N, C-alpha and C. Protein backbone atom coordinates (compact mmCIF):
# COMPACT_ATOMS: atom_id res chain seq x y z
N MET A 1 15.40 4.90 -21.35
CA MET A 1 16.47 4.16 -20.75
C MET A 1 15.88 3.33 -19.60
N ASN A 2 16.41 2.19 -19.38
CA ASN A 2 15.92 1.28 -18.35
C ASN A 2 16.21 1.85 -16.96
N CYS A 3 15.28 1.67 -16.04
CA CYS A 3 15.41 2.17 -14.67
C CYS A 3 16.63 1.58 -13.98
N ARG A 4 16.90 0.31 -14.24
CA ARG A 4 18.04 -0.36 -13.62
C ARG A 4 19.34 0.34 -13.99
N TYR A 5 19.48 0.72 -15.25
CA TYR A 5 20.70 1.38 -15.69
C TYR A 5 20.79 2.79 -15.11
N LEU A 6 19.66 3.49 -15.00
CA LEU A 6 19.68 4.82 -14.41
C LEU A 6 20.12 4.76 -12.96
N VAL A 7 19.62 3.78 -12.22
CA VAL A 7 20.01 3.63 -10.82
C VAL A 7 21.50 3.31 -10.73
N SER A 8 21.99 2.41 -11.58
CA SER A 8 23.40 2.05 -11.56
C SER A 8 24.29 3.24 -11.89
N ILE A 9 23.92 3.99 -12.90
CA ILE A 9 24.71 5.16 -13.29
C ILE A 9 24.68 6.21 -12.19
N THR A 10 23.50 6.43 -11.61
CA THR A 10 23.37 7.40 -10.53
C THR A 10 24.21 6.98 -9.33
N ALA A 11 24.18 5.70 -9.01
CA ALA A 11 24.96 5.20 -7.88
C ALA A 11 26.45 5.39 -8.13
N ALA A 12 26.91 5.08 -9.32
CA ALA A 12 28.33 5.21 -9.64
C ALA A 12 28.77 6.68 -9.58
N LEU A 13 27.94 7.56 -10.12
CA LEU A 13 28.28 8.98 -10.09
C LEU A 13 28.28 9.52 -8.67
N ALA A 14 27.34 9.09 -7.86
CA ALA A 14 27.28 9.55 -6.48
C ALA A 14 28.50 9.07 -5.70
N LEU A 15 28.90 7.82 -5.90
CA LEU A 15 30.09 7.31 -5.21
C LEU A 15 31.34 8.06 -5.66
N LEU A 16 31.44 8.33 -6.95
CA LEU A 16 32.58 9.05 -7.48
C LEU A 16 32.63 10.46 -6.90
N ALA A 17 31.48 11.13 -6.86
CA ALA A 17 31.42 12.48 -6.32
C ALA A 17 31.78 12.49 -4.84
N ALA A 18 31.30 11.50 -4.11
CA ALA A 18 31.61 11.44 -2.68
C ALA A 18 33.09 11.19 -2.45
N ALA A 19 33.69 10.34 -3.26
CA ALA A 19 35.11 10.04 -3.12
C ALA A 19 35.95 11.27 -3.45
N CYS A 20 35.56 12.01 -4.48
CA CYS A 20 36.31 13.20 -4.87
C CYS A 20 36.16 14.31 -3.84
N SER A 21 34.98 14.46 -3.26
CA SER A 21 34.76 15.55 -2.32
C SER A 21 35.42 15.31 -0.97
N SER A 22 35.71 14.06 -0.65
CA SER A 22 36.32 13.78 0.65
C SER A 22 37.82 14.09 0.67
N GLY A 23 38.42 14.18 -0.51
CA GLY A 23 39.84 14.49 -0.59
C GLY A 23 40.74 13.34 -0.22
N SER A 24 40.21 12.17 -0.04
CA SER A 24 41.02 11.01 0.28
C SER A 24 40.71 9.91 -0.71
N SER A 25 41.38 8.79 -0.52
CA SER A 25 41.13 7.68 -1.42
C SER A 25 39.74 7.13 -1.20
N TYR A 26 39.24 6.42 -2.14
CA TYR A 26 37.88 5.87 -2.10
C TYR A 26 37.74 4.86 -0.98
N SER A 27 36.69 5.01 -0.22
CA SER A 27 36.36 4.05 0.83
C SER A 27 34.91 3.69 0.67
N SER A 28 34.63 2.43 0.53
CA SER A 28 33.27 2.00 0.28
C SER A 28 32.42 1.99 1.53
N GLY A 29 33.03 2.05 2.69
CA GLY A 29 32.25 2.03 3.92
C GLY A 29 31.88 0.63 4.35
N TYR A 30 32.49 -0.40 3.75
CA TYR A 30 32.13 -1.76 4.12
C TYR A 30 32.50 -2.07 5.55
N GLY A 31 33.58 -1.46 6.05
CA GLY A 31 33.97 -1.73 7.42
C GLY A 31 33.08 -1.04 8.43
N SER A 32 32.23 -0.15 7.98
CA SER A 32 31.45 0.63 8.92
C SER A 32 29.98 0.25 8.95
N SER A 33 29.57 -0.67 8.17
CA SER A 33 28.17 -1.08 8.25
C SER A 33 28.08 -2.57 8.11
N SER A 34 27.07 -3.13 8.71
CA SER A 34 26.87 -4.55 8.56
C SER A 34 25.51 -4.77 7.94
N TYR A 35 25.42 -5.80 7.17
CA TYR A 35 24.17 -6.08 6.49
C TYR A 35 23.77 -7.51 6.79
N SER A 36 22.56 -7.67 7.18
CA SER A 36 22.03 -9.00 7.43
C SER A 36 21.09 -9.34 6.29
N GLY A 37 21.48 -10.27 5.46
CA GLY A 37 20.68 -10.61 4.29
C GLY A 37 19.46 -11.45 4.62
N GLY A 38 19.27 -11.78 5.88
CA GLY A 38 18.13 -12.61 6.25
C GLY A 38 16.83 -11.85 6.19
N TYR A 39 15.77 -12.57 6.19
CA TYR A 39 14.45 -11.98 6.16
C TYR A 39 13.71 -12.47 7.38
N GLU A 40 13.08 -11.55 8.05
CA GLU A 40 12.37 -11.90 9.27
C GLU A 40 11.02 -12.51 8.92
N ALA A 41 10.57 -13.40 9.75
CA ALA A 41 9.29 -14.07 9.52
C ALA A 41 8.17 -13.05 9.60
N GLY A 42 7.27 -13.11 8.65
CA GLY A 42 6.09 -12.26 8.66
C GLY A 42 6.30 -10.91 8.04
N THR A 43 7.52 -10.57 7.62
CA THR A 43 7.74 -9.27 7.03
C THR A 43 7.70 -9.32 5.52
N ALA A 44 7.54 -10.48 4.96
CA ALA A 44 7.44 -10.67 3.50
C ALA A 44 8.56 -9.99 2.76
N GLY A 45 9.78 -10.19 3.24
CA GLY A 45 10.93 -9.73 2.47
C GLY A 45 11.45 -8.37 2.85
N THR A 46 11.18 -7.87 4.03
CA THR A 46 11.72 -6.60 4.43
C THR A 46 13.16 -6.80 4.87
N PRO A 47 14.11 -6.15 4.18
CA PRO A 47 15.50 -6.35 4.54
C PRO A 47 15.82 -5.66 5.86
N SER A 48 16.79 -6.22 6.55
CA SER A 48 17.23 -5.58 7.78
C SER A 48 18.68 -5.18 7.61
N ALA A 49 18.98 -3.89 7.75
CA ALA A 49 20.34 -3.39 7.65
C ALA A 49 20.57 -2.43 8.79
N SER A 50 21.76 -2.45 9.35
CA SER A 50 22.03 -1.55 10.46
C SER A 50 23.49 -1.14 10.41
N ALA A 51 23.75 0.06 10.84
CA ALA A 51 25.12 0.55 10.91
C ALA A 51 25.69 0.17 12.26
N THR A 52 26.96 -0.18 12.28
CA THR A 52 27.62 -0.54 13.51
C THR A 52 28.08 0.75 14.18
N PRO A 53 27.62 1.02 15.41
CA PRO A 53 27.99 2.28 16.06
C PRO A 53 29.47 2.29 16.44
N GLY A 54 30.04 3.52 16.42
CA GLY A 54 31.41 3.69 16.88
C GLY A 54 32.48 3.31 15.88
N THR A 55 32.13 3.02 14.63
CA THR A 55 33.13 2.65 13.64
C THR A 55 32.99 3.55 12.43
N SER A 56 33.04 4.85 12.64
CA SER A 56 32.89 5.76 11.52
C SER A 56 34.22 5.86 10.77
N SER A 57 34.14 6.19 9.49
CA SER A 57 35.34 6.32 8.68
C SER A 57 35.61 7.79 8.41
N SER A 58 36.72 8.09 7.77
CA SER A 58 37.09 9.46 7.51
C SER A 58 36.33 10.06 6.35
N THR A 59 35.51 9.29 5.67
CA THR A 59 34.80 9.80 4.51
C THR A 59 33.55 10.57 4.89
N GLY A 60 33.08 10.48 6.10
CA GLY A 60 31.95 11.28 6.57
C GLY A 60 30.69 11.02 5.78
N GLY A 61 30.32 11.98 4.92
CA GLY A 61 29.07 11.92 4.17
C GLY A 61 29.03 10.82 3.14
N SER A 62 30.19 10.38 2.65
CA SER A 62 30.17 9.33 1.62
C SER A 62 29.73 8.00 2.21
N GLU A 63 29.96 7.77 3.51
CA GLU A 63 29.50 6.54 4.14
C GLU A 63 27.97 6.48 4.10
N SER A 64 27.35 7.57 4.47
CA SER A 64 25.89 7.63 4.46
C SER A 64 25.37 7.49 3.03
N LEU A 65 26.05 8.14 2.09
CA LEU A 65 25.65 8.05 0.69
C LEU A 65 25.80 6.62 0.18
N SER A 66 26.89 5.98 0.56
CA SER A 66 27.12 4.59 0.16
C SER A 66 26.02 3.69 0.71
N ASN A 67 25.66 3.89 1.97
CA ASN A 67 24.60 3.09 2.58
C ASN A 67 23.26 3.34 1.89
N ASP A 68 23.00 4.61 1.55
CA ASP A 68 21.75 4.95 0.85
C ASP A 68 21.69 4.28 -0.52
N ILE A 69 22.81 4.30 -1.23
CA ILE A 69 22.86 3.68 -2.55
C ILE A 69 22.69 2.17 -2.44
N HIS A 70 23.36 1.58 -1.44
CA HIS A 70 23.21 0.14 -1.22
C HIS A 70 21.75 -0.21 -0.93
N GLY A 71 21.10 0.59 -0.10
CA GLY A 71 19.70 0.34 0.22
C GLY A 71 18.81 0.48 -1.00
N LEU A 72 19.08 1.47 -1.85
CA LEU A 72 18.30 1.68 -3.06
C LEU A 72 18.47 0.51 -4.03
N MET A 73 19.70 0.05 -4.19
CA MET A 73 19.94 -1.07 -5.11
C MET A 73 19.32 -2.35 -4.56
N HIS A 74 19.36 -2.54 -3.23
CA HIS A 74 18.74 -3.73 -2.64
C HIS A 74 17.22 -3.67 -2.81
N ALA A 75 16.64 -2.50 -2.67
CA ALA A 75 15.19 -2.35 -2.85
C ALA A 75 14.80 -2.66 -4.30
N GLU A 76 15.63 -2.26 -5.24
CA GLU A 76 15.34 -2.56 -6.65
C GLU A 76 15.38 -4.06 -6.90
N LYS A 77 16.38 -4.75 -6.34
CA LYS A 77 16.46 -6.21 -6.49
C LYS A 77 15.27 -6.87 -5.84
N GLN A 78 14.84 -6.34 -4.69
CA GLN A 78 13.68 -6.90 -3.99
C GLN A 78 12.43 -6.75 -4.85
N ASP A 79 12.26 -5.61 -5.50
CA ASP A 79 11.11 -5.40 -6.38
C ASP A 79 11.13 -6.40 -7.54
N GLU A 80 12.30 -6.64 -8.10
CA GLU A 80 12.42 -7.61 -9.19
C GLU A 80 12.04 -9.01 -8.73
N ARG A 81 12.49 -9.38 -7.52
CA ARG A 81 12.15 -10.69 -6.97
C ARG A 81 10.65 -10.84 -6.77
N ILE A 82 10.03 -9.79 -6.25
CA ILE A 82 8.59 -9.84 -6.00
C ILE A 82 7.83 -9.96 -7.31
N LYS A 83 8.22 -9.21 -8.34
CA LYS A 83 7.55 -9.31 -9.64
C LYS A 83 7.70 -10.70 -10.23
N ARG A 84 8.89 -11.26 -10.11
CA ARG A 84 9.14 -12.61 -10.62
C ARG A 84 8.29 -13.63 -9.88
N ALA A 85 8.20 -13.48 -8.56
CA ALA A 85 7.39 -14.41 -7.76
C ALA A 85 5.92 -14.29 -8.12
N GLU A 86 5.41 -13.08 -8.26
CA GLU A 86 3.99 -12.89 -8.62
C GLU A 86 3.68 -13.53 -9.96
N LYS A 87 4.57 -13.33 -10.91
CA LYS A 87 4.37 -13.86 -12.25
C LYS A 87 4.32 -15.39 -12.25
N THR A 88 5.24 -16.00 -11.52
CA THR A 88 5.31 -17.47 -11.48
C THR A 88 4.17 -18.05 -10.67
N GLU A 89 3.89 -17.47 -9.51
CA GLU A 89 2.88 -18.02 -8.62
C GLU A 89 1.47 -17.94 -9.18
N ALA A 90 1.24 -17.03 -10.11
CA ALA A 90 -0.07 -16.96 -10.74
C ALA A 90 -0.37 -18.23 -11.54
N LEU A 91 0.66 -18.93 -11.97
CA LEU A 91 0.48 -20.16 -12.75
C LEU A 91 0.56 -21.43 -11.91
N LEU A 92 1.15 -21.35 -10.73
CA LEU A 92 1.37 -22.55 -9.94
C LEU A 92 0.08 -23.15 -9.36
N GLY A 93 -0.78 -22.32 -8.79
CA GLY A 93 -2.02 -22.82 -8.20
C GLY A 93 -2.89 -23.54 -9.22
N PRO A 94 -3.20 -22.91 -10.36
CA PRO A 94 -4.01 -23.59 -11.37
C PRO A 94 -3.36 -24.85 -11.94
N ALA A 95 -2.03 -24.93 -11.88
CA ALA A 95 -1.34 -26.11 -12.41
C ALA A 95 -1.42 -27.30 -11.46
N GLY A 96 -1.80 -27.06 -10.21
CA GLY A 96 -1.94 -28.16 -9.27
C GLY A 96 -0.94 -28.14 -8.13
N PHE A 97 -0.17 -27.09 -7.99
CA PHE A 97 0.76 -26.98 -6.88
C PHE A 97 0.00 -26.59 -5.61
N LYS A 98 0.45 -27.10 -4.48
CA LYS A 98 -0.16 -26.77 -3.19
C LYS A 98 0.69 -25.70 -2.52
N LEU A 99 0.02 -24.67 -2.00
CA LEU A 99 0.69 -23.60 -1.28
C LEU A 99 0.78 -23.99 0.19
N MET A 100 1.99 -23.89 0.74
CA MET A 100 2.19 -24.16 2.16
C MET A 100 2.96 -23.00 2.77
N PRO A 101 2.39 -22.34 3.78
CA PRO A 101 3.08 -21.20 4.40
C PRO A 101 4.33 -21.65 5.17
N ILE A 102 5.30 -20.75 5.22
CA ILE A 102 6.50 -20.99 6.02
C ILE A 102 6.26 -20.28 7.34
N ASP A 103 5.66 -20.99 8.29
CA ASP A 103 5.22 -20.34 9.52
C ASP A 103 5.82 -20.92 10.79
N THR A 104 6.76 -21.82 10.67
CA THR A 104 7.42 -22.37 11.86
C THR A 104 8.93 -22.34 11.64
N PRO A 105 9.69 -22.34 12.73
CA PRO A 105 11.15 -22.37 12.59
C PRO A 105 11.65 -23.61 11.85
N ALA A 106 10.99 -24.73 12.03
CA ALA A 106 11.40 -25.96 11.33
C ALA A 106 11.22 -25.80 9.83
N LYS A 107 10.13 -25.18 9.41
CA LYS A 107 9.90 -24.95 7.97
C LYS A 107 10.91 -23.95 7.42
N HIS A 108 11.25 -22.93 8.20
CA HIS A 108 12.28 -21.97 7.77
C HIS A 108 13.60 -22.68 7.53
N LYS A 109 13.93 -23.60 8.41
CA LYS A 109 15.20 -24.32 8.28
C LYS A 109 15.21 -25.18 7.01
N VAL A 110 14.08 -25.82 6.70
CA VAL A 110 13.98 -26.63 5.48
C VAL A 110 14.10 -25.75 4.25
N ILE A 111 13.44 -24.62 4.25
CA ILE A 111 13.43 -23.72 3.08
C ILE A 111 14.82 -23.12 2.84
N GLU A 112 15.61 -22.91 3.87
CA GLU A 112 16.96 -22.36 3.70
C GLU A 112 17.81 -23.23 2.80
N GLY A 113 17.51 -24.53 2.72
CA GLY A 113 18.28 -25.44 1.87
C GLY A 113 17.85 -25.44 0.42
N LEU A 114 16.76 -24.73 0.10
CA LEU A 114 16.26 -24.68 -1.28
C LEU A 114 16.66 -23.38 -1.95
N SER A 115 16.80 -23.44 -3.26
CA SER A 115 17.06 -22.22 -4.03
C SER A 115 15.77 -21.43 -4.13
N PRO A 116 15.78 -20.16 -3.72
CA PRO A 116 14.55 -19.37 -3.78
C PRO A 116 14.18 -19.00 -5.21
N LEU A 117 12.89 -18.92 -5.46
CA LEU A 117 12.32 -18.51 -6.74
C LEU A 117 12.79 -19.36 -7.91
N SER A 118 13.04 -20.63 -7.64
CA SER A 118 13.36 -21.56 -8.72
C SER A 118 12.83 -22.93 -8.30
N PHE A 119 12.68 -23.81 -9.27
CA PHE A 119 12.15 -25.12 -8.97
C PHE A 119 13.25 -26.03 -8.46
N ASN A 120 12.97 -26.66 -7.33
CA ASN A 120 13.88 -27.61 -6.72
C ASN A 120 13.24 -28.98 -6.87
N ARG A 121 13.94 -29.88 -7.50
CA ARG A 121 13.42 -31.23 -7.77
C ARG A 121 13.92 -32.16 -6.67
N LEU A 122 12.97 -32.75 -5.93
CA LEU A 122 13.32 -33.62 -4.82
C LEU A 122 12.58 -34.94 -4.95
N ALA A 123 13.28 -36.04 -4.65
CA ALA A 123 12.66 -37.36 -4.68
C ALA A 123 12.28 -37.75 -3.26
N HIS A 124 11.08 -38.30 -3.11
CA HIS A 124 10.61 -38.75 -1.80
C HIS A 124 9.75 -39.98 -2.00
N HIS A 125 10.16 -41.10 -1.40
CA HIS A 125 9.45 -42.38 -1.52
C HIS A 125 9.24 -42.78 -2.98
N GLY A 126 10.26 -42.60 -3.78
CA GLY A 126 10.22 -43.03 -5.18
C GLY A 126 9.43 -42.10 -6.10
N LYS A 127 8.96 -40.98 -5.60
CA LYS A 127 8.23 -40.02 -6.43
C LYS A 127 8.99 -38.70 -6.48
N ILE A 128 8.89 -38.05 -7.64
CA ILE A 128 9.54 -36.76 -7.82
C ILE A 128 8.55 -35.66 -7.44
N HIS A 129 9.03 -34.71 -6.63
CA HIS A 129 8.23 -33.55 -6.24
C HIS A 129 9.02 -32.30 -6.60
N TYR A 130 8.30 -31.27 -7.00
CA TYR A 130 8.91 -29.99 -7.34
C TYR A 130 8.52 -28.98 -6.27
N TRP A 131 9.52 -28.32 -5.73
CA TRP A 131 9.32 -27.33 -4.69
C TRP A 131 9.73 -25.97 -5.24
N PHE A 132 8.88 -24.97 -5.02
CA PHE A 132 9.16 -23.59 -5.42
C PHE A 132 9.08 -22.74 -4.15
N ALA A 133 10.23 -22.37 -3.61
CA ALA A 133 10.29 -21.61 -2.35
C ALA A 133 10.26 -20.11 -2.66
N ASP A 134 9.42 -19.38 -1.92
CA ASP A 134 9.32 -17.93 -2.09
C ASP A 134 9.39 -17.24 -0.72
N PRO A 135 10.59 -16.89 -0.27
CA PRO A 135 10.70 -16.16 0.99
C PRO A 135 10.50 -14.66 0.83
N TYR A 136 10.31 -14.16 -0.40
CA TYR A 136 10.25 -12.73 -0.66
C TYR A 136 8.82 -12.18 -0.72
N TYR A 137 7.93 -12.86 -1.38
CA TYR A 137 6.59 -12.32 -1.64
C TYR A 137 5.55 -12.93 -0.71
N CYS A 138 5.36 -14.23 -0.78
CA CYS A 138 4.30 -14.87 0.01
C CYS A 138 4.82 -15.55 1.27
N ASN A 139 6.14 -15.65 1.42
CA ASN A 139 6.76 -16.38 2.53
C ASN A 139 6.13 -17.78 2.61
N CYS A 140 6.18 -18.46 1.47
CA CYS A 140 5.55 -19.77 1.37
C CYS A 140 6.37 -20.66 0.43
N VAL A 141 5.92 -21.89 0.30
CA VAL A 141 6.52 -22.82 -0.64
C VAL A 141 5.38 -23.51 -1.39
N TYR A 142 5.56 -23.71 -2.68
CA TYR A 142 4.61 -24.45 -3.50
C TYR A 142 5.21 -25.83 -3.76
N VAL A 143 4.40 -26.87 -3.59
CA VAL A 143 4.87 -28.23 -3.80
C VAL A 143 3.91 -28.90 -4.78
N GLY A 144 4.49 -29.56 -5.80
CA GLY A 144 3.68 -30.26 -6.78
C GLY A 144 4.40 -31.47 -7.32
N ASP A 145 3.63 -32.36 -7.95
CA ASP A 145 4.21 -33.56 -8.55
C ASP A 145 4.63 -33.28 -9.99
N GLU A 146 5.05 -34.32 -10.69
CA GLU A 146 5.52 -34.15 -12.07
C GLU A 146 4.42 -33.65 -12.99
N LEU A 147 3.20 -34.11 -12.78
CA LEU A 147 2.08 -33.67 -13.61
C LEU A 147 1.81 -32.18 -13.41
N ALA A 148 1.84 -31.73 -12.17
CA ALA A 148 1.64 -30.31 -11.89
C ALA A 148 2.74 -29.48 -12.53
N TYR A 149 3.97 -29.98 -12.49
CA TYR A 149 5.09 -29.25 -13.10
C TYR A 149 4.91 -29.16 -14.62
N LEU A 150 4.47 -30.26 -15.24
CA LEU A 150 4.24 -30.23 -16.69
C LEU A 150 3.12 -29.26 -17.05
N ARG A 151 2.06 -29.23 -16.22
CA ARG A 151 0.97 -28.27 -16.46
C ARG A 151 1.47 -26.84 -16.31
N TYR A 152 2.33 -26.60 -15.35
CA TYR A 152 2.91 -25.27 -15.18
C TYR A 152 3.72 -24.87 -16.42
N LYS A 153 4.57 -25.79 -16.90
CA LYS A 153 5.39 -25.50 -18.09
C LYS A 153 4.51 -25.19 -19.30
N GLN A 154 3.41 -25.95 -19.45
CA GLN A 154 2.48 -25.73 -20.55
C GLN A 154 1.82 -24.35 -20.42
N ALA A 155 1.38 -24.01 -19.22
CA ALA A 155 0.74 -22.70 -19.00
C ALA A 155 1.73 -21.57 -19.26
N LYS A 156 2.99 -21.76 -18.86
CA LYS A 156 4.02 -20.75 -19.11
C LYS A 156 4.25 -20.57 -20.61
N GLN A 157 4.27 -21.67 -21.34
CA GLN A 157 4.45 -21.60 -22.79
C GLN A 157 3.27 -20.90 -23.46
N GLU A 158 2.06 -21.20 -22.98
CA GLU A 158 0.87 -20.55 -23.54
C GLU A 158 0.90 -19.05 -23.27
N ARG A 159 1.31 -18.66 -22.05
CA ARG A 159 1.39 -17.24 -21.72
C ARG A 159 2.42 -16.54 -22.60
N LYS A 160 3.54 -17.21 -22.86
CA LYS A 160 4.57 -16.65 -23.73
C LYS A 160 4.03 -16.46 -25.14
N GLN A 161 3.29 -17.46 -25.64
CA GLN A 161 2.71 -17.38 -26.97
C GLN A 161 1.69 -16.25 -27.06
N GLU A 162 0.90 -16.07 -26.00
CA GLU A 162 -0.06 -14.97 -25.98
C GLU A 162 0.63 -13.62 -26.06
N LYS A 163 1.76 -13.47 -25.36
CA LYS A 163 2.52 -12.22 -25.41
C LYS A 163 3.06 -11.97 -26.80
N VAL A 164 3.54 -13.02 -27.46
CA VAL A 164 4.06 -12.88 -28.83
C VAL A 164 2.94 -12.45 -29.77
N GLU A 165 1.78 -13.08 -29.64
CA GLU A 165 0.64 -12.73 -30.49
C GLU A 165 0.17 -11.31 -30.21
N ALA A 166 0.14 -10.90 -28.95
CA ALA A 166 -0.28 -9.54 -28.62
C ALA A 166 0.71 -8.52 -29.20
N ALA A 167 2.00 -8.81 -29.12
CA ALA A 167 3.01 -7.91 -29.68
C ALA A 167 2.86 -7.82 -31.20
N TYR A 168 2.54 -8.95 -31.83
CA TYR A 168 2.34 -8.96 -33.27
C TYR A 168 1.13 -8.10 -33.64
N LEU A 169 0.06 -8.21 -32.87
CA LEU A 169 -1.13 -7.40 -33.13
C LEU A 169 -0.84 -5.92 -32.99
N VAL A 170 -0.07 -5.56 -31.98
CA VAL A 170 0.29 -4.15 -31.79
C VAL A 170 1.13 -3.68 -32.98
N ASP A 171 2.07 -4.50 -33.42
CA ASP A 171 2.91 -4.12 -34.56
C ASP A 171 2.07 -3.93 -35.82
N THR A 172 1.11 -4.84 -36.08
CA THR A 172 0.31 -4.71 -37.28
C THR A 172 -0.65 -3.53 -37.20
N GLU A 173 -1.11 -3.20 -35.99
CA GLU A 173 -1.99 -2.04 -35.83
C GLU A 173 -1.23 -0.74 -36.02
N ASN A 174 0.06 -0.74 -35.73
CA ASN A 174 0.87 0.47 -35.85
C ASN A 174 1.38 0.71 -37.27
N GLN A 175 1.22 -0.26 -38.16
CA GLN A 175 1.64 -0.07 -39.53
C GLN A 175 0.64 0.82 -40.26
N VAL A 176 1.18 1.73 -41.04
CA VAL A 176 0.34 2.66 -41.78
C VAL A 176 0.61 2.47 -43.26
N ASP A 177 -0.43 2.22 -43.99
CA ASP A 177 -0.32 2.12 -45.44
C ASP A 177 -0.83 3.43 -46.05
N LEU A 178 0.09 4.15 -46.70
CA LEU A 178 -0.29 5.40 -47.34
C LEU A 178 -0.75 5.13 -48.77
N PRO A 179 -1.68 5.90 -49.24
CA PRO A 179 -2.11 5.72 -50.63
C PRO A 179 -0.96 6.04 -51.59
N MET A 180 -1.04 5.45 -52.78
CA MET A 180 0.04 5.61 -53.76
C MET A 180 0.22 7.05 -54.19
N ASP A 181 -0.81 7.87 -54.13
CA ASP A 181 -0.70 9.26 -54.58
C ASP A 181 -0.41 10.22 -53.43
N SER A 182 0.13 9.71 -52.32
CA SER A 182 0.42 10.54 -51.15
C SER A 182 1.58 11.47 -51.46
N GLU A 183 1.52 12.69 -50.90
CA GLU A 183 2.59 13.66 -51.11
C GLU A 183 3.81 13.34 -50.24
N TRP A 184 3.61 12.64 -49.16
CA TRP A 184 4.72 12.31 -48.27
C TRP A 184 5.41 11.08 -48.82
N ASP A 185 6.68 11.19 -49.17
CA ASP A 185 7.40 10.10 -49.81
C ASP A 185 8.76 9.93 -49.13
N PRO A 186 8.82 9.09 -48.08
CA PRO A 186 10.08 8.95 -47.37
C PRO A 186 11.17 8.25 -48.18
N VAL A 187 10.79 7.41 -49.13
CA VAL A 187 11.79 6.66 -49.90
C VAL A 187 12.63 7.61 -50.73
N SER A 188 12.01 8.49 -51.49
CA SER A 188 12.79 9.39 -52.32
C SER A 188 13.42 10.51 -51.50
N ALA A 189 12.83 10.88 -50.38
CA ALA A 189 13.40 11.94 -49.54
C ALA A 189 14.75 11.53 -48.95
N PHE A 190 14.93 10.25 -48.68
CA PHE A 190 16.19 9.77 -48.13
C PHE A 190 17.11 9.21 -49.20
N GLY A 191 16.71 9.30 -50.44
CA GLY A 191 17.58 8.86 -51.52
C GLY A 191 17.62 7.35 -51.69
N MET A 192 16.59 6.67 -51.26
CA MET A 192 16.56 5.22 -51.42
C MET A 192 15.96 4.88 -52.78
N PRO A 193 16.36 3.75 -53.33
CA PRO A 193 15.85 3.37 -54.66
C PRO A 193 14.38 2.98 -54.62
């Protein structure tokens, strides 16, 4: 079973158990904690979350459990973002994109306007440039022209084709051809023609 589904099921069961054990109606604890989705400079994607003091709810332990589950789910999403960034960025440099660190407040402000971990197409002085902002893994932005973007797309297609070929090789290696006089006969054992 996929880890994502196990975490989701575990989180749902834990919330249900906490709600049942408190003897009151379900409270998610949203009023008792605040979450800052921002990322601090230099922390490469470390989330900052804090509970607001003095605003406890009647659910007691379920608030802490809810916060723990929220933190676990956020960490899982962060891991997915980092894997996606690593996978994409491995192809950007060889394709001709330039890496530029996000190391000043002015650069942070510019990057906030871009969609993270996706290509943003911007025109400047009659030329098209592609920007790939990554505030999660490298805290940087990759910038390239149309040729670099086409090289990236080609490299991505080649990598996809390599994966398909590797999967095909694994499938063909796992096939077993039994001799015709083998005693093991799954076709007749299951009643197939």
